[in-house]
Amino acid sequence: MILSGVIVNSVAVGFGSLLGVFFRNKFNKKVIDTVMSGMGLCVLYIGISGSLKGQNILVTIGSIALGITKIKAANLSLAPFIPIFIYLFI
């Protein structure tokens, strides 16, 4: 049985990676960092919403821990992210 979803996903990830390699120099580092932070918040939202549905809570805990570690490693303040968390959960 051929898993077409796995193949399509693998091709999409490979294509996106190639685009990232070729166009990395076209974007400002600040823009790249902002997009990565936004993607981290999306992952955090998916994890929290999944845990509220009764799915694995360890995923949420790990997402929060990794997100905060990434923010602190980049020497960013958590203050700008607080309104986003409030908006997502109200």
C-alpha atoms as a PDB file:
ATOM      1  CA  MET A   1       0.000   0.000   0.000  1.00  0.00           C
ATOM      2  CA  ILE A   2       1.494   3.327  -1.074  1.00  0.00           C
ATOM      3  CA  LEU A   3       1.127   6.119   1.457  1.00  0.00           C
ATOM      4  CA  SER A   4       0.537   9.059  -0.870  1.00  0.00           C
ATOM      5  CA  GLY A   5       0.131  11.533   2.006  1.00  0.00           C
ATOM      6  CA  VAL A   6       3.600  10.724   3.295  1.00  0.00           C
ATOM      7  CA  ILE A   7       5.095  11.139  -0.165  1.00  0.00           C
ATOM      8  CA  VAL A   8       3.320  14.462  -0.777  1.00  0.00           C
ATOM      9  CA  ASN A   9       4.360  15.746   2.647  1.00  0.00           C
ATOM     10  CA  SER A  10       7.984  14.717   2.070  1.00  0.00           C
ATOM     11  CA  VAL A  11       8.085  16.444  -1.307  1.00  0.00           C
ATOM     12  CA  ALA A  12       6.505  19.597   0.160  1.00  0.00           C
ATOM     13  CA  VAL A  13       9.016  19.698   3.029  1.00  0.00           C
ATOM     14  CA  GLY A  14      11.909  19.186   0.610  1.00  0.00           C
ATOM     15  CA  PHE A  15      10.627  21.892  -1.728  1.00  0.00           C
ATOM     16  CA  GLY A  16      10.108  24.319   1.156  1.00  0.00           C
ATOM     17  CA  SER A  17      13.597  23.606   2.435  1.00  0.00           C
ATOM     18  CA  LEU A  18      15.105  24.338  -0.967  1.00  0.00           C
ATOM     19  CA  LEU A  19      13.169  27.596  -1.176  1.00  0.00           C
ATOM     20  CA  GLY A  20      14.464  28.540   2.254  1.00  0.00           C
ATOM     21  CA  VAL A  21      18.052  27.822   1.259  1.00  0.00           C
ATOM     22  CA  PHE A  22      17.829  29.835  -1.959  1.00  0.00           C
ATOM     23  CA  PHE A  23      15.880  32.818  -0.618  1.00  0.00           C
ATOM     24  CA  ARG A  24      17.414  33.131   2.867  1.00  0.00           C
ATOM     25  CA  ASN A  25      19.657  36.012   1.800  1.00  0.00           C
ATOM     26  CA  LYS A  26      16.720  37.921   0.290  1.00  0.00           C
ATOM     27  CA  PHE A  27      15.104  38.565   3.677  1.00  0.00           C
ATOM     28  CA  ASN A  28      16.263  40.627   6.617  1.00  0.00           C
ATOM     29  CA  LYS A  29      17.331  38.622   9.691  1.00  0.00           C
ATOM     30  CA  LYS A  30      14.729  40.454  11.748  1.00  0.00           C
ATOM     31  CA  VAL A  31      11.978  39.312   9.364  1.00  0.00           C
ATOM     32  CA  ILE A  32      13.201  35.702   9.523  1.00  0.00           C
ATOM     33  CA  ASP A  33      13.293  35.816  13.327  1.00  0.00           C
ATOM     34  CA  THR A  34       9.802  37.296  13.457  1.00  0.00           C
ATOM     35  CA  VAL A  35       8.401  34.612  11.156  1.00  0.00           C
ATOM     36  CA  MET A  36      10.074  31.888  13.209  1.00  0.00           C
ATOM     37  CA  SER A  37       8.600  33.326  16.413  1.00  0.00           C
ATOM     38  CA  GLY A  38       5.182  33.407  14.768  1.00  0.00           C
ATOM     39  CA  MET A  39       5.530  29.785  13.721  1.00  0.00           C
ATOM     40  CA  GLY A  40       6.529  28.915  17.281  1.00  0.00           C
ATOM     41  CA  LEU A  41       3.362  30.577  18.557  1.00  0.00           C
ATOM     42  CA  CYS A  42       1.313  28.596  16.033  1.00  0.00           C
ATOM     43  CA  VAL A  43       2.852  25.373  17.283  1.00  0.00           C
ATOM     44  CA  LEU A  44       2.155  26.456  20.851  1.00  0.00           C
ATOM     45  CA  TYR A  45      -1.482  27.188  19.963  1.00  0.00           C
ATOM     46  CA  ILE A  46      -1.901  23.810  18.275  1.00  0.00           C
ATOM     47  CA  GLY A  47      -0.401  22.095  21.304  1.00  0.00           C
ATOM     48  CA  ILE A  48      -2.575  23.908  23.806  1.00  0.00           C
ATOM     49  CA  SER A  49      -5.764  23.438  21.790  1.00  0.00           C
ATOM     50  CA  GLY A  50      -4.922  19.750  21.432  1.00  0.00           C
ATOM     51  CA  SER A  51      -4.430  19.370  25.147  1.00  0.00           C
ATOM     52  CA  LEU A  52      -7.748  21.046  25.865  1.00  0.00           C
ATOM     53  CA  LYS A  53      -9.398  18.384  23.712  1.00  0.00           C
ATOM     54  CA  GLY A  54      -7.976  15.744  26.007  1.00  0.00           C
ATOM     55  CA  GLN A  55      -4.999  14.759  23.887  1.00  0.00           C
ATOM     56  CA  ASN A  56      -1.497  14.213  25.222  1.00  0.00           C
ATOM     57  CA  ILE A  57      -0.656  16.982  27.730  1.00  0.00           C
ATOM     58  CA  LEU A  58       3.076  16.261  27.461  1.00  0.00           C
ATOM     59  CA  VAL A  59       3.082  17.750  23.973  1.00  0.00           C
ATOM     60  CA  THR A  60       1.786  21.032  25.359  1.00  0.00           C
ATOM     61  CA  ILE A  61       4.301  21.094  28.185  1.00  0.00           C
ATOM     62  CA  GLY A  62       7.140  20.357  25.773  1.00  0.00           C
ATOM     63  CA  SER A  63       5.960  23.040  23.333  1.00  0.00           C
ATOM     64  CA  ILE A  64       5.822  25.668  26.049  1.00  0.00           C
ATOM     65  CA  ALA A  65       9.230  24.688  27.418  1.00  0.00           C
ATOM     66  CA  LEU A  66      10.858  24.727  23.987  1.00  0.00           C
ATOM     67  CA  GLY A  67       9.199  27.999  23.012  1.00  0.00           C
ATOM     68  CA  ILE A  68      10.299  29.788  26.158  1.00  0.00           C
ATOM     69  CA  THR A  69      13.801  28.342  25.819  1.00  0.00           C
ATOM     70  CA  LYS A  70      13.982  29.641  22.244  1.00  0.00           C
ATOM     71  CA  ILE A  71      12.767  33.102  23.279  1.00  0.00           C
ATOM     72  CA  LYS A  72      15.279  33.299  26.114  1.00  0.00           C
ATOM     73  CA  ALA A  73      18.128  31.969  23.941  1.00  0.00           C
ATOM     74  CA  ALA A  74      17.439  34.746  21.439  1.00  0.00           C
ATOM     75  CA  ASN A  75      17.523  37.291  24.302  1.00  0.00           C
ATOM     76  CA  LEU A  76      13.935  38.344  23.642  1.00  0.00           C
ATOM     77  CA  SER A  77      11.442  39.528  26.203  1.00  0.00           C
ATOM     78  CA  LEU A  78       8.279  37.529  26.820  1.00  0.00           C
ATOM     79  CA  ALA A  79       6.256  40.748  27.198  1.00  0.00           C
ATOM     80  CA  PRO A  80       5.419  41.190  23.462  1.00  0.00           C
ATOM     81  CA  PHE A  81       4.018  37.655  23.326  1.00  0.00           C
ATOM     82  CA  ILE A  82       1.580  38.026  26.242  1.00  0.00           C
ATOM     83  CA  PRO A  83      -1.127  39.906  24.246  1.00  0.00           C
ATOM     84  CA  ILE A  84      -0.984  37.178  21.592  1.00  0.00           C
ATOM     85  CA  PHE A  85      -1.575  34.473  24.218  1.00  0.00           C
ATOM     86  CA  ILE A  86      -4.487  36.473  25.640  1.00  0.00           C
ATOM     87  CA  TYR A  87      -5.987  36.937  22.163  1.00  0.00           C
ATOM     88  CA  LEU A  88      -5.713  33.236  21.344  1.00  0.00           C
ATOM     89  CA  PHE A  89      -7.503  32.076  24.480  1.00  0.00           C
ATOM     90  CA  ILE A  90     -10.278  34.648  24.863  1.00  0.00           C
END
